[in-house]
PDB file of N, CA and C in Angstrom:
ATOM      1  N   UNK A   1     -22.768   6.279  14.856  1.00  0.00           N
ATOM      2  CA  UNK A   1     -23.259   6.661  16.144  1.00  0.00           C
ATOM      3  C   UNK A   1     -22.194   7.415  16.924  1.00  0.00           C
ATOM      4  N   UNK A   2     -21.176   7.875  16.254  1.00  0.00           N
ATOM      5  CA  UNK A   2     -20.134   8.642  16.914  1.00  0.00           C
ATOM      6  C   UNK A   2     -20.747   9.918  17.469  1.00  0.00           C
ATOM      7  N   UNK A   3     -20.496  10.178  18.738  1.00  0.00           N
ATOM      8  CA  UNK A   3     -21.061  11.350  19.381  1.00  0.00           C
ATOM      9  C   UNK A   3     -19.981  12.068  20.159  1.00  0.00           C
ATOM     10  N   UNK A   4     -20.315  13.269  20.615  1.00  0.00           N
ATOM     11  CA  UNK A   4     -19.393  14.043  21.428  1.00  0.00           C
ATOM     12  C   UNK A   4     -19.965  14.269  22.820  1.00  0.00           C
ATOM     13  N   UNK A   5     -20.773  13.358  23.302  1.00  0.00           N
ATOM     14  CA  UNK A   5     -21.371  13.500  24.623  1.00  0.00           C
ATOM     15  C   UNK A   5     -20.320  13.126  25.657  1.00  0.00           C
ATOM     16  N   UNK A   6     -19.779  14.124  26.373  1.00  0.00           N
ATOM     17  CA  UNK A   6     -18.725  13.856  27.333  1.00  0.00           C
ATOM     18  C   UNK A   6     -19.257  13.576  28.732  1.00  0.00           C
ATOM     19  N   UNK A   7     -20.564  13.701  28.948  1.00  0.00           N
ATOM     20  CA  UNK A   7     -21.120  13.452  30.266  1.00  0.00           C
ATOM     21  C   UNK A   7     -21.243  11.960  30.547  1.00  0.00           C
ATOM     22  N   UNK A   8     -21.086  11.130  29.532  1.00  0.00           N
ATOM     23  CA  UNK A   8     -21.175   9.689  29.695  1.00  0.00           C
ATOM     24  C   UNK A   8     -19.795   9.108  29.973  1.00  0.00           C
ATOM     25  N   UNK A   9     -19.767   7.832  30.320  1.00  0.00           N
ATOM     26  CA  UNK A   9     -18.522   7.151  30.627  1.00  0.00           C
ATOM     27  C   UNK A   9     -17.975   6.466  29.376  1.00  0.00           C
ATOM     28  N   UNK A  10     -16.880   6.977  28.842  1.00  0.00           N
ATOM     29  CA  UNK A  10     -16.255   6.414  27.655  1.00  0.00           C
ATOM     30  C   UNK A  10     -15.065   5.577  28.099  1.00  0.00           C
ATOM     31  N   UNK A  11     -14.989   4.325  27.622  1.00  0.00           N
ATOM     32  CA  UNK A  11     -13.889   3.450  28.016  1.00  0.00           C
ATOM     33  C   UNK A  11     -13.281   2.800  26.779  1.00  0.00           C
ATOM     34  N   UNK A  12     -11.998   2.403  26.878  1.00  0.00           N
ATOM     35  CA  UNK A  12     -11.332   1.748  25.751  1.00  0.00           C
ATOM     36  C   UNK A  12     -11.989   0.409  25.415  1.00  0.00           C
ATOM     37  N   UNK A  13     -11.817  -0.020  24.172  1.00  0.00           N
ATOM     38  CA  UNK A  13     -12.421  -1.269  23.714  1.00  0.00           C
ATOM     39  C   UNK A  13     -12.014  -2.461  24.570  1.00  0.00           C
ATOM     40  N   UNK A  14     -10.742  -2.547  24.924  1.00  0.00           N
ATOM     41  CA  UNK A  14     -10.252  -3.700  25.682  1.00  0.00           C
ATOM     42  C   UNK A  14     -10.954  -3.793  27.033  1.00  0.00           C
ATOM     43  N   UNK A  15     -11.044  -2.675  27.724  1.00  0.00           N
ATOM     44  CA  UNK A  15     -11.692  -2.666  29.031  1.00  0.00           C
ATOM     45  C   UNK A  15     -13.171  -3.043  28.902  1.00  0.00           C
ATOM     46  N   UNK A  16     -13.846  -2.478  27.915  1.00  0.00           N
ATOM     47  CA  UNK A  16     -15.254  -2.795  27.681  1.00  0.00           C
ATOM     48  C   UNK A  16     -15.418  -4.278  27.366  1.00  0.00           C
ATOM     49  N   UNK A  17     -14.506  -4.800  26.557  1.00  0.00           N
ATOM     50  CA  UNK A  17     -14.530  -6.199  26.161  1.00  0.00           C
ATOM     51  C   UNK A  17     -14.474  -7.119  27.375  1.00  0.00           C
ATOM     52  N   UNK A  18     -13.555  -6.827  28.289  1.00  0.00           N
ATOM     53  CA  UNK A  18     -13.401  -7.657  29.481  1.00  0.00           C
ATOM     54  C   UNK A  18     -14.611  -7.523  30.400  1.00  0.00           C
ATOM     55  N   UNK A  19     -15.067  -6.294  30.607  1.00  0.00           N
ATOM     56  CA  UNK A  19     -16.195  -6.062  31.505  1.00  0.00           C
ATOM     57  C   UNK A  19     -17.478  -6.730  31.020  1.00  0.00           C
ATOM     58  N   UNK A  20     -17.703  -6.695  29.711  1.00  0.00           N
ATOM     59  CA  UNK A  20     -18.968  -7.188  29.172  1.00  0.00           C
ATOM     60  C   UNK A  20     -18.882  -8.616  28.628  1.00  0.00           C
ATOM     61  N   UNK A  21     -17.670  -9.161  28.530  1.00  0.00           N
ATOM     62  CA  UNK A  21     -17.518 -10.530  28.041  1.00  0.00           C
ATOM     63  C   UNK A  21     -17.793 -10.661  26.555  1.00  0.00           C
ATOM     64  N   UNK A  22     -17.326  -9.706  25.800  1.00  0.00           N
ATOM     65  CA  UNK A  22     -17.552  -9.696  24.354  1.00  0.00           C
ATOM     66  C   UNK A  22     -16.202  -9.509  23.665  1.00  0.00           C
ATOM     67  N   UNK A  23     -15.998 -10.157  22.538  1.00  0.00           N
ATOM     68  CA  UNK A  23     -14.698 -10.092  21.872  1.00  0.00           C
ATOM     69  C   UNK A  23     -14.461  -8.733  21.225  1.00  0.00           C
ATOM     70  N   UNK A  24     -13.177  -8.423  21.036  1.00  0.00           N
ATOM     71  CA  UNK A  24     -12.811  -7.171  20.384  1.00  0.00           C
ATOM     72  C   UNK A  24     -13.316  -7.124  18.944  1.00  0.00           C
ATOM     73  N   UNK A  25     -13.252  -8.252  18.255  1.00  0.00           N
ATOM     74  CA  UNK A  25     -13.715  -8.262  16.866  1.00  0.00           C
ATOM     75  C   UNK A  25     -15.222  -7.997  16.795  1.00  0.00           C
ATOM     76  N   UNK A  26     -15.971  -8.511  17.752  1.00  0.00           N
ATOM     77  CA  UNK A  26     -17.414  -8.242  17.786  1.00  0.00           C
ATOM     78  C   UNK A  26     -17.656  -6.763  18.072  1.00  0.00           C
ATOM     79  N   UNK A  27     -16.906  -6.202  19.000  1.00  0.00           N
ATOM     80  CA  UNK A  27     -17.048  -4.764  19.284  1.00  0.00           C
ATOM     81  C   UNK A  27     -16.754  -3.932  18.053  1.00  0.00           C
ATOM     82  N   UNK A  28     -15.717  -4.304  17.315  1.00  0.00           N
ATOM     83  CA  UNK A  28     -15.374  -3.557  16.106  1.00  0.00           C
ATOM     84  C   UNK A  28     -16.477  -3.670  15.054  1.00  0.00           C
ATOM     85  N   UNK A  29     -17.093  -4.861  14.963  1.00  0.00           N
ATOM     86  CA  UNK A  29     -18.222  -5.011  14.038  1.00  0.00           C
ATOM     87  C   UNK A  29     -19.389  -4.136  14.482  1.00  0.00           C
ATOM     88  N   UNK A  30     -19.637  -4.068  15.790  1.00  0.00           N
ATOM     89  CA  UNK A  30     -20.709  -3.221  16.311  1.00  0.00           C
ATOM     90  C   UNK A  30     -20.433  -1.752  15.996  1.00  0.00           C
ATOM     91  N   UNK A  31     -19.178  -1.336  16.121  1.00  0.00           N
ATOM     92  CA  UNK A  31     -18.821   0.048  15.802  1.00  0.00           C
ATOM     93  C   UNK A  31     -19.055   0.319  14.323  1.00  0.00           C
ATOM     94  N   UNK A  32     -18.583  -0.602  13.482  1.00  0.00           N
ATOM     95  CA  UNK A  32     -18.723  -0.426  12.035  1.00  0.00           C
ATOM     96  C   UNK A  32     -20.184  -0.323  11.612  1.00  0.00           C
ATOM     97  N   UNK A  33     -21.057  -1.092  12.277  1.00  0.00           N
ATOM     98  CA  UNK A  33     -22.478  -1.075  11.923  1.00  0.00           C
ATOM     99  C   UNK A  33     -23.284  -0.114  12.797  1.00  0.00           C
ATOM    100  N   UNK A  34     -22.585   0.685  13.613  1.00  0.00           N
ATOM    101  CA  UNK A  34     -23.229   1.670  14.494  1.00  0.00           C
ATOM    102  C   UNK A  34     -24.255   1.059  15.436  1.00  0.00           C
ATOM    103  N   UNK A  35     -23.953  -0.116  15.953  1.00  0.00           N
ATOM    104  CA  UNK A  35     -24.837  -0.760  16.930  1.00  0.00           C
ATOM    105  C   UNK A  35     -24.505  -0.340  18.357  1.00  0.00           C
ATOM    106  N   UNK A  36     -23.390   0.374  18.520  1.00  0.00           N
ATOM    107  CA  UNK A  36     -22.957   0.794  19.847  1.00  0.00           C
ATOM    108  C   UNK A  36     -22.401   2.212  19.740  1.00  0.00           C
ATOM    109  N   UNK A  37     -22.620   3.007  20.789  1.00  0.00           N
ATOM    110  CA  UNK A  37     -22.113   4.385  20.788  1.00  0.00           C
ATOM    111  C   UNK A  37     -20.594   4.352  20.911  1.00  0.00           C
ATOM    112  N   UNK A  38     -19.914   5.136  20.063  1.00  0.00           N
ATOM    113  CA  UNK A  38     -18.458   5.137  20.055  1.00  0.00           C
ATOM    114  C   UNK A  38     -17.942   6.510  19.679  1.00  0.00           C
ATOM    115  N   UNK A  39     -16.665   6.713  19.945  1.00  0.00           N
ATOM    116  CA  UNK A  39     -15.988   7.920  19.474  1.00  0.00           C
ATOM    117  C   UNK A  39     -14.510   7.595  19.311  1.00  0.00           C
ATOM    118  N   UNK A  40     -13.853   8.388  18.498  1.00  0.00           N
ATOM    119  CA  UNK A  40     -12.435   8.232  18.226  1.00  0.00           C
ATOM    120  C   UNK A  40     -11.708   9.381  18.912  1.00  0.00           C
ATOM    121  N   UNK A  41     -10.806   9.052  19.830  1.00  0.00           N
ATOM    122  CA  UNK A  41     -10.081  10.062  20.576  1.00  0.00           C
ATOM    123  C   UNK A  41      -8.593   9.762  20.503  1.00  0.00           C
ATOM    124  N   UNK A  42      -7.839  10.655  19.882  1.00  0.00           N
ATOM    125  CA  UNK A  42      -6.391  10.505  19.733  1.00  0.00           C
ATOM    126  C   UNK A  42      -6.025   9.163  19.105  1.00  0.00           C
ATOM    127  N   UNK A  43      -6.784   8.763  18.090  1.00  0.00           N
ATOM    128  CA  UNK A  43      -6.493   7.539  17.354  1.00  0.00           C
ATOM    129  C   UNK A  43      -6.973   6.267  18.021  1.00  0.00           C
ATOM    130  N   UNK A  44      -7.660   6.367  19.139  1.00  0.00           N
ATOM    131  CA  UNK A  44      -8.147   5.179  19.842  1.00  0.00           C
ATOM    132  C   UNK A  44      -9.672   5.222  19.911  1.00  0.00           C
ATOM    133  N   UNK A  45     -10.265   4.056  19.695  1.00  0.00           N
ATOM    134  CA  UNK A  45     -11.716   3.957  19.795  1.00  0.00           C
ATOM    135  C   UNK A  45     -12.117   3.814  21.251  1.00  0.00           C
ATOM    136  N   UNK A  46     -13.156   4.554  21.613  1.00  0.00           N
ATOM    137  CA  UNK A  46     -13.764   4.449  22.933  1.00  0.00           C
ATOM    138  C   UNK A  46     -15.235   4.137  22.731  1.00  0.00           C
ATOM    139  N   UNK A  47     -15.797   3.352  23.640  1.00  0.00           N
ATOM    140  CA  UNK A  47     -17.224   3.056  23.579  1.00  0.00           C
ATOM    141  C   UNK A  47     -17.885   3.544  24.860  1.00  0.00           C
ATOM    142  N   UNK A  48     -19.163   3.876  24.738  1.00  0.00           N
ATOM    143  CA  UNK A  48     -19.891   4.395  25.879  1.00  0.00           C
ATOM    144  C   UNK A  48     -20.339   3.241  26.776  1.00  0.00           C
ATOM    145  N   UNK A  49     -20.028   3.377  28.047  1.00  0.00           N
ATOM    146  CA  UNK A  49     -20.473   2.403  29.029  1.00  0.00           C
ATOM    147  C   UNK A  49     -21.535   3.052  29.900  1.00  0.00           C
ATOM    148  N   UNK A  50     -22.762   3.024  29.392  1.00  0.00           N
ATOM    149  CA  UNK A  50     -23.862   3.652  30.127  1.00  0.00           C
ATOM    150  C   UNK A  50     -24.704   2.631  30.886  1.00  0.00           C
ATOM    151  N   UNK A  51     -24.261   1.385  30.895  1.00  0.00           N
ATOM    152  CA  UNK A  51     -24.956   0.348  31.636  1.00  0.00           C
ATOM    153  C   UNK A  51     -26.105  -0.302  30.891  1.00  0.00           C
ATOM    154  N   UNK A  52     -26.383   0.112  29.664  1.00  0.00           N
ATOM    155  CA  UNK A  52     -27.515  -0.444  28.933  1.00  0.00           C
ATOM    156  C   UNK A  52     -27.116  -1.583  28.005  1.00  0.00           C
ATOM    157  N   UNK A  53     -25.813  -1.755  27.762  1.00  0.00           N
ATOM    158  CA  UNK A  53     -25.358  -2.795  26.840  1.00  0.00           C
ATOM    159  C   UNK A  53     -25.537  -4.163  27.479  1.00  0.00           C
ATOM    160  N   UNK A  54     -26.193  -5.067  26.770  1.00  0.00           N
ATOM    161  CA  UNK A  54     -26.387  -6.433  27.237  1.00  0.00           C
ATOM    162  C   UNK A  54     -25.574  -7.348  26.348  1.00  0.00           C
ATOM    163  N   UNK A  55     -24.668  -8.109  26.970  1.00  0.00           N
ATOM    164  CA  UNK A  55     -23.779  -8.995  26.220  1.00  0.00           C
ATOM    165  C   UNK A  55     -23.884 -10.402  26.796  1.00  0.00           C
ATOM    166  N   UNK A  56     -23.316 -11.384  26.102  1.00  0.00           N
ATOM    167  CA  UNK A  56     -23.284 -12.739  26.648  1.00  0.00           C
ATOM    168  C   UNK A  56     -22.588 -12.749  28.003  1.00  0.00           C
ATOM    169  N   UNK A  57     -22.885 -13.735  28.814  1.00  0.00           N
ATOM    170  CA  UNK A  57     -22.297 -13.861  30.143  1.00  0.00           C
ATOM    171  C   UNK A  57     -20.778 -13.897  30.042  1.00  0.00           C
ATOM    172  N   UNK A  58     -20.125 -13.114  30.886  1.00  0.00           N
ATOM    173  CA  UNK A  58     -18.670 -13.060  30.911  1.00  0.00           C
ATOM    174  C   UNK A  58     -18.129 -14.218  31.729  1.00  0.00           C
ATOM    175  N   UNK A  59     -17.387 -15.103  31.072  1.00  0.00           N
ATOM    176  CA  UNK A  59     -16.803 -16.236  31.774  1.00  0.00           C
ATOM    177  C   UNK A  59     -15.396 -15.943  32.255  1.00  0.00           C
ATOM    178  N   UNK A  60     -14.836 -14.813  31.878  1.00  0.00           N
ATOM    179  CA  UNK A  60     -13.490 -14.470  32.315  1.00  0.00           C
ATOM    180  C   UNK A  60     -13.514 -14.023  33.769  1.00  0.00           C
ATOM    181  N   UNK A  61     -12.637 -14.606  34.557  1.00  0.00           N
ATOM    182  CA  UNK A  61     -12.499 -14.176  35.940  1.00  0.00           C
ATOM    183  C   UNK A  61     -13.639 -14.590  36.845  1.00  0.00           C
ATOM    184  N   UNK A  62     -14.530 -15.445  36.402  1.00  0.00           N
ATOM    185  CA  UNK A  62     -15.606 -15.904  37.263  1.00  0.00           C
ATOM    186  C   UNK A  62     -15.275 -17.292  37.778  1.00  0.00           C
ATOM    187  N   UNK A  63     -15.808 -17.603  38.917  1.00  0.00           N
ATOM    188  CA  UNK A  63     -15.552 -18.913  39.500  1.00  0.00           C
ATOM    189  C   UNK A  63     -16.716 -19.324  40.381  1.00  0.00           C
ATOM    190  N   UNK A  64     -16.901 -20.613  40.509  1.00  0.00           N
ATOM    191  CA  UNK A  64     -17.908 -21.144  41.417  1.00  0.00           C
ATOM    192  C   UNK A  64     -17.281 -21.524  42.753  1.00  0.00           C
ATOM    193  N   UNK A  65     -15.949 -21.419  42.864  1.00  0.00           N
ATOM    194  CA  UNK A  65     -15.223 -21.812  44.062  1.00  0.00           C
ATOM    195  C   UNK A  65     -15.214 -20.660  45.059  1.00  0.00           C
ATOM    196  N   UNK A  66     -15.912 -20.803  46.187  1.00  0.00           N
ATOM    197  CA  UNK A  66     -15.953 -19.701  47.151  1.00  0.00           C
ATOM    198  C   UNK A  66     -14.621 -19.470  47.851  1.00  0.00           C
ATOM    199  N   UNK A  67     -13.655 -20.396  47.678  1.00  0.00           N
ATOM    200  CA  UNK A  67     -12.352 -20.246  48.328  1.00  0.00           C
ATOM    201  C   UNK A  67     -11.528 -19.134  47.693  1.00  0.00           C
ATOM    202  N   UNK A  68     -11.875 -18.741  46.454  1.00  0.00           N
ATOM    203  CA  UNK A  68     -11.122 -17.677  45.783  1.00  0.00           C
ATOM    204  C   UNK A  68     -11.695 -16.339  46.225  1.00  0.00           C
ATOM    205  N   UNK A  69     -10.851 -15.518  46.812  1.00  0.00           N
ATOM    206  CA  UNK A  69     -11.324 -14.251  47.363  1.00  0.00           C
ATOM    207  C   UNK A  69     -11.540 -13.212  46.270  1.00  0.00           C
ATOM    208  N   UNK A  70     -12.267 -12.157  46.614  1.00  0.00           N
ATOM    209  CA  UNK A  70     -12.514 -11.062  45.686  1.00  0.00           C
ATOM    210  C   UNK A  70     -11.230 -10.362  45.284  1.00  0.00           C
ATOM    211  N   UNK A  71     -10.239 -10.328  46.184  1.00  0.00           N
ATOM    212  CA  UNK A  71      -8.961  -9.695  45.869  1.00  0.00           C
ATOM    213  C   UNK A  71      -8.255 -10.426  44.740  1.00  0.00           C
ATOM    214  N   UNK A  72      -8.256 -11.735  44.782  1.00  0.00           N
ATOM    215  CA  UNK A  72      -7.623 -12.524  43.727  1.00  0.00           C
ATOM    216  C   UNK A  72      -8.390 -12.362  42.426  1.00  0.00           C
ATOM    217  N   UNK A  73      -9.711 -12.385  42.498  1.00  0.00           N
ATOM    218  CA  UNK A  73     -10.526 -12.195  41.299  1.00  0.00           C
ATOM    219  C   UNK A  73     -10.274 -10.818  40.687  1.00  0.00           C
ATOM    220  N   UNK A  74     -10.151  -9.818  41.535  1.00  0.00           N
ATOM    221  CA  UNK A  74      -9.875  -8.468  41.051  1.00  0.00           C
ATOM    222  C   UNK A  74      -8.507  -8.412  40.377  1.00  0.00           C
ATOM    223  N   UNK A  75      -7.522  -9.041  40.984  1.00  0.00           N
ATOM    224  CA  UNK A  75      -6.182  -9.062  40.393  1.00  0.00           C
ATOM    225  C   UNK A  75      -6.180  -9.811  39.063  1.00  0.00           C
ATOM    226  N   UNK A  76      -6.923 -10.932  39.014  1.00  0.00           N
ATOM    227  CA  UNK A  76      -7.017 -11.692  37.764  1.00  0.00           C
ATOM    228  C   UNK A  76      -7.644 -10.836  36.671  1.00  0.00           C
ATOM    229  N   UNK A  77      -8.690 -10.107  37.018  1.00  0.00           N
ATOM    230  CA  UNK A  77      -9.359  -9.262  36.030  1.00  0.00           C
ATOM    231  C   UNK A  77      -8.410  -8.175  35.528  1.00  0.00           C
ATOM    232  N   UNK A  78      -7.653  -7.572  36.438  1.00  0.00           N
ATOM    233  CA  UNK A  78      -6.682  -6.550  36.041  1.00  0.00           C
ATOM    234  C   UNK A  78      -5.626  -7.137  35.114  1.00  0.00           C
ATOM    235  N   UNK A  79      -5.155  -8.341  35.418  1.00  0.00           N
ATOM    236  CA  UNK A  79      -4.159  -8.990  34.566  1.00  0.00           C
ATOM    237  C   UNK A  79      -4.738  -9.325  33.198  1.00  0.00           C
ATOM    238  N   UNK A  80      -6.005  -9.734  33.160  1.00  0.00           N
ATOM    239  CA  UNK A  80      -6.648 -10.031  31.879  1.00  0.00           C
ATOM    240  C   UNK A  80      -6.769  -8.771  31.026  1.00  0.00           C
ATOM    241  N   UNK A  81      -7.118  -7.647  31.661  1.00  0.00           N
ATOM    242  CA  UNK A  81      -7.216  -6.378  30.938  1.00  0.00           C
ATOM    243  C   UNK A  81      -5.846  -5.982  30.400  1.00  0.00           C
ATOM    244  N   UNK A  82      -4.822  -6.139  31.230  1.00  0.00           N
ATOM    245  CA  UNK A  82      -3.457  -5.807  30.803  1.00  0.00           C
ATOM    246  C   UNK A  82      -3.024  -6.690  29.642  1.00  0.00           C
ATOM    247  N   UNK A  83      -3.306  -7.976  29.734  1.00  0.00           N
ATOM    248  CA  UNK A  83      -2.945  -8.909  28.661  1.00  0.00           C
ATOM    249  C   UNK A  83      -3.669  -8.575  27.363  1.00  0.00           C
ATOM    250  N   UNK A  84      -4.951  -8.291  27.449  1.00  0.00           N
ATOM    251  CA  UNK A  84      -5.717  -7.949  26.246  1.00  0.00           C
ATOM    252  C   UNK A  84      -5.207  -6.652  25.627  1.00  0.00           C
ATOM    253  N   UNK A  85      -4.852  -5.685  26.470  1.00  0.00           N
ATOM    254  CA  UNK A  85      -4.308  -4.428  25.956  1.00  0.00           C
ATOM    255  C   UNK A  85      -2.978  -4.674  25.253  1.00  0.00           C
ATOM    256  N   UNK A  86      -2.147  -5.528  25.838  1.00  0.00           N
ATOM    257  CA  UNK A  86      -0.859  -5.842  25.217  1.00  0.00           C
ATOM    258  C   UNK A  86      -1.067  -6.558  23.891  1.00  0.00           C
ATOM    259  N   UNK A  87      -2.001  -7.494  23.846  1.00  0.00           N
ATOM    260  CA  UNK A  87      -2.289  -8.208  22.591  1.00  0.00           C
ATOM    261  C   UNK A  87      -2.814  -7.264  21.523  1.00  0.00           C
ATOM    262  N   UNK A  88      -3.653  -6.311  21.915  1.00  0.00           N
ATOM    263  CA  UNK A  88      -4.165  -5.335  20.948  1.00  0.00           C
ATOM    264  C   UNK A  88      -3.035  -4.450  20.440  1.00  0.00           C
ATOM    265  N   UNK A  89      -2.138  -4.049  21.344  1.00  0.00           N
ATOM    266  CA  UNK A  89      -1.005  -3.216  20.934  1.00  0.00           C
ATOM    267  C   UNK A  89      -0.088  -3.984  19.983  1.00  0.00           C
ATOM    268  N   UNK A  90       0.139  -5.260  20.254  1.00  0.00           N
ATOM    269  CA  UNK A  90       0.963  -6.088  19.376  1.00  0.00           C
ATOM    270  C   UNK A  90       0.337  -6.170  17.995  1.00  0.00           C
ATOM    271  N   UNK A  91      -0.979  -6.369  17.941  1.00  0.00           N
ATOM    272  CA  UNK A  91      -1.668  -6.443  16.646  1.00  0.00           C
ATOM    273  C   UNK A  91      -1.532  -5.120  15.884  1.00  0.00           C
ATOM    274  N   UNK A  92      -1.668  -4.002  16.595  1.00  0.00           N
ATOM    275  CA  UNK A  92      -1.526  -2.701  15.956  1.00  0.00           C
ATOM    276  C   UNK A  92      -0.101  -2.493  15.442  1.00  0.00           C
ATOM    277  N   UNK A  93       0.890  -2.933  16.218  1.00  0.00           N
ATOM    278  CA  UNK A  93       2.285  -2.803  15.798  1.00  0.00           C
ATOM    279  C   UNK A  93       2.585  -3.675  14.588  1.00  0.00           C
ATOM    280  N   UNK A  94       1.999  -4.867  14.540  1.00  0.00           N
ATOM    281  CA  UNK A  94       2.179  -5.736  13.377  1.00  0.00           C
ATOM    282  C   UNK A  94       1.598  -5.080  12.122  1.00  0.00           C
ATOM    283  N   UNK A  95       0.450  -4.457  12.268  1.00  0.00           N
ATOM    284  CA  UNK A  95      -0.171  -3.758  11.145  1.00  0.00           C
ATOM    285  C   UNK A  95       0.711  -2.599  10.683  1.00  0.00           C
ATOM    286  N   UNK A  96       1.227  -1.841  11.637  1.00  0.00           N
ATOM    287  CA  UNK A  96       2.102  -0.722  11.307  1.00  0.00           C
ATOM    288  C   UNK A  96       3.384  -1.207  10.630  1.00  0.00           C
ATOM    289  N   UNK A  97       3.947  -2.299  11.117  1.00  0.00           N
ATOM    290  CA  UNK A  97       5.152  -2.862  10.516  1.00  0.00           C
ATOM    291  C   UNK A  97       4.884  -3.306   9.080  1.00  0.00           C
ATOM    292  N   UNK A  98       3.759  -3.964   8.859  1.00  0.00           N
ATOM    293  CA  UNK A  98       3.405  -4.398   7.501  1.00  0.00           C
ATOM    294  C   UNK A  98       3.260  -3.194   6.572  1.00  0.00           C
ATOM    295  N   UNK A  99       2.667  -2.124   7.082  1.00  0.00           N
ATOM    296  CA  UNK A  99       2.510  -0.906   6.290  1.00  0.00           C
ATOM    297  C   UNK A  99       3.868  -0.346   5.891  1.00  0.00           C
ATOM    298  N   UNK A 100       4.775  -0.232   6.866  1.00  0.00           N
ATOM    299  CA  UNK A 100       6.102   0.319   6.571  1.00  0.00           C
ATOM    300  C   UNK A 100       6.918  -0.593   5.660  1.00  0.00           C
ATOM    301  N   UNK A 101       6.772  -1.892   5.826  1.00  0.00           N
ATOM    302  CA  UNK A 101       7.472  -2.812   4.924  1.00  0.00           C
ATOM    303  C   UNK A 101       6.979  -2.650   3.491  1.00  0.00           C
ATOM    304  N   UNK A 102       5.671  -2.493   3.328  1.00  0.00           N
ATOM    305  CA  UNK A 102       5.103  -2.280   1.997  1.00  0.00           C
ATOM    306  C   UNK A 102       5.582  -0.946   1.422  1.00  0.00           C
ATOM    307  N   UNK A 103       5.587   0.080   2.250  1.00  0.00           N
ATOM    308  CA  UNK A 103       6.043   1.403   1.811  1.00  0.00           C
ATOM    309  C   UNK A 103       7.514   1.343   1.412  1.00  0.00           C
ATOM    310  N   UNK A 104       8.340   0.636   2.195  1.00  0.00           N
ATOM    311  CA  UNK A 104       9.759   0.492   1.901  1.00  0.00           C
ATOM    312  C   UNK A 104       9.958  -0.228   0.567  1.00  0.00           C
ATOM    313  N   UNK A 105       9.173  -1.277   0.334  1.00  0.00           N
ATOM    314  CA  UNK A 105       9.266  -2.015  -0.919  1.00  0.00           C
ATOM    315  C   UNK A 105       8.913  -1.122  -2.107  1.00  0.00           C
ATOM    316  N   UNK A 106       7.892  -0.301  -1.949  1.00  0.00           N
ATOM    317  CA  UNK A 106       7.503   0.622  -3.020  1.00  0.00           C
ATOM    318  C   UNK A 106       8.590   1.649  -3.291  1.00  0.00           C
ATOM    319  N   UNK A 107       9.182   2.202  -2.227  1.00  0.00           N
ATOM    320  CA  UNK A 107      10.244   3.188  -2.391  1.00  0.00           C
ATOM    321  C   UNK A 107      11.476   2.565  -3.037  1.00  0.00           C
ATOM    322  N   UNK A 108      11.810   1.348  -2.640  1.00  0.00           N
ATOM    323  CA  UNK A 108      12.965   0.654  -3.218  1.00  0.00           C
ATOM    324  C   UNK A 108      12.732   0.374  -4.698  1.00  0.00           C
ATOM    325  N   UNK A 109      11.518  -0.009  -5.040  1.00  0.00           N
ATOM    326  CA  UNK A 109      11.181  -0.304  -6.425  1.00  0.00           C
ATOM    327  C   UNK A 109      11.249   0.968  -7.281  1.00  0.00           C
ATOM    328  N   UNK A 110      10.793   2.091  -6.722  1.00  0.00           N
ATOM    329  CA  UNK A 110      10.805   3.361  -7.442  1.00  0.00           C
ATOM    330  C   UNK A 110      12.240   3.895  -7.647  1.00  0.00           C
ATOM    331  N   UNK A 111      13.149   3.538  -6.760  1.00  0.00           N
ATOM    332  CA  UNK A 111      14.528   4.011  -6.830  1.00  0.00           C
ATOM    333  C   UNK A 111      15.398   3.156  -7.748  1.00  0.00           C
ATOM    334  N   UNK A 112      14.877   2.043  -8.224  1.00  0.00           N
ATOM    335  CA  UNK A 112      15.669   1.163  -9.094  1.00  0.00           C
ATOM    336  C   UNK A 112      15.814   1.705 -10.481  1.00  0.00           C
TER     337      UNK A 112
END
């Protein structure tokens, strides 16, 4: 379902994940099975946020306590997005490190 429609709102997986209350692994499965509109831009997956996606209720950053102001909730949501982005970057770096370690092992073996 990869498209080049630029008139729609394309957002990173992490941001979509937080907004819709759906895990990154589920989003990746949806992309793989073409259940959601996506595109690859500069090595990063983006998904279309056209308002039609229905996901399970988002429990992140929600509260029943009226004492918590919208400003605090907004800050919490921003921190959650930042944390998820950092965790995704760490996972990508671990994958890249494993790749280079494997490549190094192959090169060392070939040079013996």
